[in-house]
Each structure stands twice: as C-alpha cells, then as structure tokens.
Amino acid sequence: MYIAMNRFTVAAENEKDFEALWLGRDSQLNTLPGFVEFHMLKGPEENGLRLYSSHTVWASEEDFRNWTRSEQFRAAHARAGETRKLHEGAQKFEGFEVIQHVLPKASAA
C-alpha cells in the first residue's frame, strides 16, 4: 500500500474558494487501477493560515506513479494554471510506503 499526500497552507480569506475548487473537481481517481481511497483533510488554523492535505491511498507506489502519467491526471490538473493561486508557497508532496496497517477487531455479538 502507498499513501500520497500534498500539504497546502491557505490564508483564511481563501479557505472557501480553496475548498470549493477541491470539492468541485472531477479527479477520476476512482477509474484507475490500484486506487483505494481519497480524503481532502482540513487541519488546524494558526496565525490566519489553515493547513489542508490531500491524502490518496493506492494499492502500490507503481499504481500511484501510473496515475501521475495518466490521461485522467492530465485532465484533473488541466485548469490548475487558470485559477488564481489560493495557497501560500509551494504545495509539499509526501509519499509513504505503508509498513503496518491495523484494522479494527470484529465486534463480538
């Protein structure tokens, strides 16, 4: 399993537009082999800046890399340069190979 994350720092006045941009995207992630799940995370606010993180789970790093080379990836990011920049600085990518995955125990009935 592989987790791909991008962190964004967003000024308070851009939060609504940033969220609308993400919530309105047609990423087509769920059409790709190896895609497991996606979360857009809203984190803490500090000094007028809010932390956000996109969190995508893939069956393997190879599946993630295939996504970044796919037509779906190009389509999902095609308008990235057309919208005004809503986050501060550069986004920060972090990729993780999962070395442990713990699931909840089945409840006893």
N, C-alpha and C. Protein backbone atom coordinates (compact mmCIF):
# COMPACT_ATOMS: atom_id res chain seq x y z
N MET A 1 0.84 -1.16 0.00
CA MET A 1 0.00 0.00 0.00
C MET A 1 0.89 1.24 0.00
N TYR A 2 0.41 2.31 -0.64
CA TYR A 2 1.18 3.55 -0.77
C TYR A 2 0.24 4.72 -0.51
N ILE A 3 0.71 5.69 0.27
CA ILE A 3 -0.08 6.88 0.56
C ILE A 3 0.64 8.09 -0.02
N ALA A 4 -0.08 8.86 -0.85
CA ALA A 4 0.45 10.08 -1.44
C ALA A 4 -0.29 11.26 -0.83
N MET A 5 0.48 12.23 -0.32
CA MET A 5 -0.11 13.38 0.34
C MET A 5 0.48 14.67 -0.20
N ASN A 6 -0.35 15.68 -0.33
CA ASN A 6 0.10 17.03 -0.66
C ASN A 6 -0.42 17.95 0.42
N ARG A 7 0.48 18.77 0.98
CA ARG A 7 0.08 19.72 2.03
C ARG A 7 0.02 21.12 1.43
N PHE A 8 -1.01 21.87 1.84
CA PHE A 8 -1.23 23.23 1.38
C PHE A 8 -1.47 24.12 2.59
N THR A 9 -0.90 25.32 2.57
CA THR A 9 -1.16 26.32 3.59
C THR A 9 -2.00 27.41 2.95
N VAL A 10 -3.20 27.65 3.50
CA VAL A 10 -4.16 28.55 2.87
C VAL A 10 -4.53 29.69 3.81
N ALA A 11 -4.44 30.92 3.29
CA ALA A 11 -4.85 32.09 4.07
C ALA A 11 -6.35 32.03 4.34
N ALA A 12 -6.76 32.53 5.50
CA ALA A 12 -8.16 32.47 5.92
C ALA A 12 -9.11 33.01 4.87
N GLU A 13 -8.73 34.09 4.19
CA GLU A 13 -9.63 34.69 3.19
C GLU A 13 -9.78 33.83 1.94
N ASN A 14 -8.94 32.82 1.76
CA ASN A 14 -9.02 31.94 0.59
C ASN A 14 -9.62 30.57 0.89
N GLU A 15 -9.95 30.30 2.15
CA GLU A 15 -10.42 28.97 2.53
C GLU A 15 -11.63 28.51 1.73
N LYS A 16 -12.67 29.33 1.65
CA LYS A 16 -13.89 28.93 0.94
C LYS A 16 -13.62 28.63 -0.52
N ASP A 17 -12.84 29.48 -1.19
CA ASP A 17 -12.53 29.26 -2.60
C ASP A 17 -11.67 28.01 -2.79
N PHE A 18 -10.71 27.81 -1.90
CA PHE A 18 -9.85 26.63 -1.97
C PHE A 18 -10.69 25.36 -1.82
N GLU A 19 -11.57 25.34 -0.83
CA GLU A 19 -12.42 24.17 -0.62
C GLU A 19 -13.36 23.95 -1.81
N ALA A 20 -13.94 25.02 -2.35
CA ALA A 20 -14.84 24.89 -3.50
C ALA A 20 -14.10 24.33 -4.71
N LEU A 21 -12.86 24.76 -4.90
CA LEU A 21 -12.05 24.25 -6.01
C LEU A 21 -11.87 22.74 -5.89
N TRP A 22 -11.52 22.27 -4.70
CA TRP A 22 -11.29 20.84 -4.50
C TRP A 22 -12.59 20.05 -4.55
N LEU A 23 -13.64 20.57 -3.92
CA LEU A 23 -14.90 19.84 -3.88
C LEU A 23 -15.57 19.78 -5.24
N GLY A 24 -15.23 20.69 -6.13
CA GLY A 24 -15.82 20.71 -7.47
C GLY A 24 -15.02 19.97 -8.52
N ARG A 25 -13.89 19.41 -8.14
CA ARG A 25 -13.03 18.70 -9.10
C ARG A 25 -13.60 17.34 -9.48
N ASP A 26 -13.39 16.98 -10.74
CA ASP A 26 -13.72 15.63 -11.21
C ASP A 26 -12.38 14.93 -11.43
N SER A 27 -11.83 14.36 -10.38
CA SER A 27 -10.47 13.82 -10.44
C SER A 27 -10.37 12.52 -11.22
N GLN A 28 -11.45 11.77 -11.30
CA GLN A 28 -11.47 10.47 -11.96
C GLN A 28 -10.54 9.45 -11.31
N LEU A 29 -10.14 9.71 -10.07
CA LEU A 29 -9.28 8.77 -9.36
C LEU A 29 -9.89 7.38 -9.31
N ASN A 30 -11.20 7.34 -9.08
CA ASN A 30 -11.86 6.05 -8.88
C ASN A 30 -11.99 5.23 -10.16
N THR A 31 -11.44 5.72 -11.26
CA THR A 31 -11.45 4.94 -12.51
C THR A 31 -10.12 4.23 -12.74
N LEU A 32 -9.16 4.43 -11.85
CA LEU A 32 -7.81 3.91 -12.07
C LEU A 32 -7.51 2.65 -11.28
N PRO A 33 -6.79 1.72 -11.90
CA PRO A 33 -6.38 0.50 -11.20
C PRO A 33 -5.51 0.86 -9.99
N GLY A 34 -5.76 0.21 -8.88
CA GLY A 34 -4.95 0.40 -7.69
C GLY A 34 -5.40 1.52 -6.78
N PHE A 35 -6.37 2.35 -7.22
CA PHE A 35 -6.89 3.40 -6.35
C PHE A 35 -7.70 2.78 -5.22
N VAL A 36 -7.44 3.22 -3.99
CA VAL A 36 -8.15 2.69 -2.82
C VAL A 36 -9.12 3.74 -2.27
N GLU A 37 -8.59 4.94 -1.94
CA GLU A 37 -9.46 5.99 -1.40
C GLU A 37 -8.76 7.33 -1.41
N PHE A 38 -9.58 8.38 -1.30
CA PHE A 38 -9.08 9.76 -1.28
C PHE A 38 -9.75 10.51 -0.14
N HIS A 39 -8.98 11.36 0.52
CA HIS A 39 -9.51 12.26 1.55
C HIS A 39 -8.90 13.64 1.32
N MET A 40 -9.71 14.68 1.42
CA MET A 40 -9.19 16.04 1.48
C MET A 40 -9.35 16.46 2.92
N LEU A 41 -8.25 16.75 3.57
CA LEU A 41 -8.24 16.99 5.01
C LEU A 41 -8.10 18.48 5.31
N LYS A 42 -8.88 18.94 6.26
CA LYS A 42 -8.82 20.33 6.73
C LYS A 42 -8.21 20.30 8.12
N GLY A 43 -7.06 20.92 8.25
CA GLY A 43 -6.33 20.86 9.51
C GLY A 43 -6.49 22.11 10.35
N PRO A 44 -5.55 22.30 11.26
CA PRO A 44 -5.63 23.42 12.19
C PRO A 44 -5.33 24.76 11.52
N GLU A 45 -5.81 25.82 12.18
CA GLU A 45 -5.53 27.19 11.75
C GLU A 45 -4.55 27.79 12.74
N GLU A 46 -3.56 28.49 12.21
CA GLU A 46 -2.59 29.16 13.07
C GLU A 46 -2.14 30.45 12.38
N ASN A 47 -2.26 31.54 13.09
CA ASN A 47 -1.85 32.86 12.58
C ASN A 47 -2.50 33.21 11.25
N GLY A 48 -3.78 32.90 11.11
CA GLY A 48 -4.51 33.25 9.89
C GLY A 48 -4.27 32.31 8.72
N LEU A 49 -3.57 31.20 8.95
CA LEU A 49 -3.29 30.23 7.89
C LEU A 49 -3.86 28.86 8.30
N ARG A 50 -4.52 28.20 7.36
CA ARG A 50 -5.10 26.88 7.62
C ARG A 50 -4.31 25.84 6.83
N LEU A 51 -4.05 24.70 7.46
CA LEU A 51 -3.37 23.58 6.82
C LEU A 51 -4.40 22.66 6.19
N TYR A 52 -4.19 22.29 4.93
CA TYR A 52 -5.01 21.30 4.22
C TYR A 52 -4.06 20.22 3.70
N SER A 53 -4.58 19.02 3.54
CA SER A 53 -3.79 17.95 2.96
C SER A 53 -4.68 17.04 2.12
N SER A 54 -4.23 16.77 0.89
CA SER A 54 -4.90 15.74 0.09
C SER A 54 -4.21 14.43 0.43
N HIS A 55 -4.99 13.38 0.61
CA HIS A 55 -4.49 12.09 1.11
C HIS A 55 -5.08 10.99 0.24
N THR A 56 -4.24 10.38 -0.58
CA THR A 56 -4.70 9.36 -1.50
C THR A 56 -4.03 8.03 -1.17
N VAL A 57 -4.82 6.97 -1.09
CA VAL A 57 -4.29 5.64 -0.80
C VAL A 57 -4.33 4.82 -2.08
N TRP A 58 -3.21 4.17 -2.38
CA TRP A 58 -3.07 3.34 -3.57
C TRP A 58 -2.63 1.94 -3.16
N ALA A 59 -2.92 0.97 -3.98
CA ALA A 59 -2.51 -0.41 -3.71
C ALA A 59 -0.98 -0.52 -3.72
N SER A 60 -0.31 0.31 -4.56
CA SER A 60 1.15 0.27 -4.64
C SER A 60 1.67 1.62 -5.11
N GLU A 61 2.96 1.85 -4.91
CA GLU A 61 3.58 3.07 -5.43
C GLU A 61 3.51 3.09 -6.95
N GLU A 62 3.65 1.93 -7.58
CA GLU A 62 3.55 1.85 -9.04
C GLU A 62 2.18 2.33 -9.53
N ASP A 63 1.10 1.95 -8.82
CA ASP A 63 -0.23 2.42 -9.19
C ASP A 63 -0.32 3.95 -9.09
N PHE A 64 0.28 4.52 -8.04
CA PHE A 64 0.30 5.98 -7.91
C PHE A 64 1.07 6.61 -9.06
N ARG A 65 2.23 6.08 -9.36
CA ARG A 65 3.05 6.62 -10.47
C ARG A 65 2.29 6.53 -11.79
N ASN A 66 1.57 5.45 -11.99
CA ASN A 66 0.76 5.31 -13.21
C ASN A 66 -0.31 6.39 -13.27
N TRP A 67 -0.91 6.73 -12.13
CA TRP A 67 -1.88 7.82 -12.07
C TRP A 67 -1.25 9.13 -12.53
N THR A 68 -0.02 9.41 -12.07
CA THR A 68 0.61 10.69 -12.41
C THR A 68 0.97 10.77 -13.90
N ARG A 69 0.98 9.64 -14.58
CA ARG A 69 1.28 9.63 -16.02
C ARG A 69 0.02 9.42 -16.87
N SER A 70 -1.13 9.39 -16.22
CA SER A 70 -2.37 9.05 -16.92
C SER A 70 -3.06 10.25 -17.56
N GLU A 71 -3.94 9.94 -18.50
CA GLU A 71 -4.78 10.96 -19.12
C GLU A 71 -5.71 11.57 -18.06
N GLN A 72 -6.19 10.77 -17.11
CA GLN A 72 -7.05 11.26 -16.05
C GLN A 72 -6.33 12.31 -15.18
N PHE A 73 -5.06 12.08 -14.91
CA PHE A 73 -4.26 13.04 -14.15
C PHE A 73 -4.16 14.36 -14.91
N ARG A 74 -3.82 14.28 -16.20
CA ARG A 74 -3.71 15.49 -17.00
C ARG A 74 -5.04 16.24 -17.04
N ALA A 75 -6.14 15.53 -17.18
CA ALA A 75 -7.45 16.16 -17.22
C ALA A 75 -7.79 16.82 -15.88
N ALA A 76 -7.48 16.14 -14.78
CA ALA A 76 -7.79 16.67 -13.45
C ALA A 76 -6.99 17.93 -13.12
N HIS A 77 -5.80 18.06 -13.72
CA HIS A 77 -4.93 19.19 -13.43
C HIS A 77 -4.86 20.21 -14.57
N ALA A 78 -5.66 20.02 -15.60
CA ALA A 78 -5.58 20.87 -16.79
C ALA A 78 -5.84 22.34 -16.50
N ARG A 79 -6.71 22.64 -15.56
CA ARG A 79 -7.06 24.03 -15.27
C ARG A 79 -6.27 24.62 -14.11
N ALA A 80 -5.29 23.91 -13.63
CA ALA A 80 -4.55 24.36 -12.44
C ALA A 80 -3.95 25.75 -12.63
N GLY A 81 -3.46 26.07 -13.80
CA GLY A 81 -2.86 27.37 -14.04
C GLY A 81 -3.87 28.47 -14.30
N GLU A 82 -5.12 28.11 -14.54
CA GLU A 82 -6.14 29.11 -14.86
C GLU A 82 -6.75 29.75 -13.63
N THR A 83 -6.71 29.08 -12.50
CA THR A 83 -7.30 29.62 -11.28
C THR A 83 -6.25 30.41 -10.52
N ARG A 84 -6.70 31.41 -9.79
CA ARG A 84 -5.73 32.18 -9.01
C ARG A 84 -5.18 31.29 -7.91
N LYS A 85 -3.97 31.56 -7.56
CA LYS A 85 -3.31 30.75 -6.54
C LYS A 85 -3.97 31.00 -5.19
N LEU A 86 -4.49 29.95 -4.59
CA LEU A 86 -5.23 30.07 -3.35
C LEU A 86 -4.43 29.64 -2.13
N HIS A 87 -3.26 29.07 -2.34
CA HIS A 87 -2.46 28.62 -1.20
C HIS A 87 -1.14 29.38 -1.15
N GLU A 88 -0.55 29.42 0.02
CA GLU A 88 0.70 30.12 0.24
C GLU A 88 1.88 29.22 -0.12
N GLY A 89 2.87 29.77 -0.79
CA GLY A 89 4.06 29.00 -1.13
C GLY A 89 3.74 27.81 -2.01
N ALA A 90 4.67 26.89 -2.07
CA ALA A 90 4.51 25.68 -2.89
C ALA A 90 3.83 24.59 -2.06
N GLN A 91 3.01 23.79 -2.73
CA GLN A 91 2.46 22.63 -2.03
C GLN A 91 3.61 21.69 -1.72
N LYS A 92 3.44 20.87 -0.70
CA LYS A 92 4.50 19.94 -0.31
C LYS A 92 4.01 18.52 -0.49
N PHE A 93 4.67 17.77 -1.38
CA PHE A 93 4.32 16.37 -1.62
C PHE A 93 5.08 15.48 -0.65
N GLU A 94 4.37 14.45 -0.14
CA GLU A 94 4.99 13.43 0.70
C GLU A 94 4.41 12.10 0.29
N GLY A 95 5.25 11.13 0.00
CA GLY A 95 4.82 9.79 -0.36
C GLY A 95 5.31 8.79 0.66
N PHE A 96 4.42 7.85 1.03
CA PHE A 96 4.74 6.89 2.08
C PHE A 96 4.39 5.48 1.67
N GLU A 97 5.31 4.57 1.87
CA GLU A 97 5.03 3.14 1.75
C GLU A 97 4.48 2.69 3.10
N VAL A 98 3.36 2.02 3.10
CA VAL A 98 2.75 1.56 4.34
C VAL A 98 3.50 0.31 4.82
N ILE A 99 4.00 0.36 6.06
CA ILE A 99 4.71 -0.79 6.61
C ILE A 99 3.88 -1.51 7.68
N GLN A 100 2.78 -0.87 8.11
CA GLN A 100 1.86 -1.52 9.03
C GLN A 100 0.47 -0.96 8.79
N HIS A 101 -0.53 -1.83 8.81
CA HIS A 101 -1.93 -1.43 8.60
C HIS A 101 -2.76 -2.20 9.61
N VAL A 102 -3.35 -1.49 10.56
CA VAL A 102 -4.13 -2.13 11.62
C VAL A 102 -5.61 -1.84 11.38
N LEU A 103 -6.41 -2.88 11.37
CA LEU A 103 -7.86 -2.75 11.19
C LEU A 103 -8.55 -3.01 12.52
N PRO A 104 -9.77 -2.49 12.71
CA PRO A 104 -10.48 -2.75 13.96
C PRO A 104 -10.83 -4.23 14.09
N LYS A 105 -10.85 -4.69 15.32
CA LYS A 105 -11.26 -6.06 15.57
C LYS A 105 -12.76 -6.19 15.30
N ALA A 106 -13.17 -7.34 14.82
CA ALA A 106 -14.60 -7.60 14.61
C ALA A 106 -15.29 -7.60 15.97
N SER A 107 -16.43 -6.95 16.04
CA SER A 107 -17.12 -6.91 17.34
C SER A 107 -17.79 -8.26 17.62
N ALA A 108 -17.74 -8.65 18.86
CA ALA A 108 -18.37 -9.92 19.28
C ALA A 108 -19.85 -9.67 19.49
N ALA A 109 -20.66 -10.50 18.89
CA ALA A 109 -22.13 -10.31 19.00
C ALA A 109 -22.72 -11.21 20.04
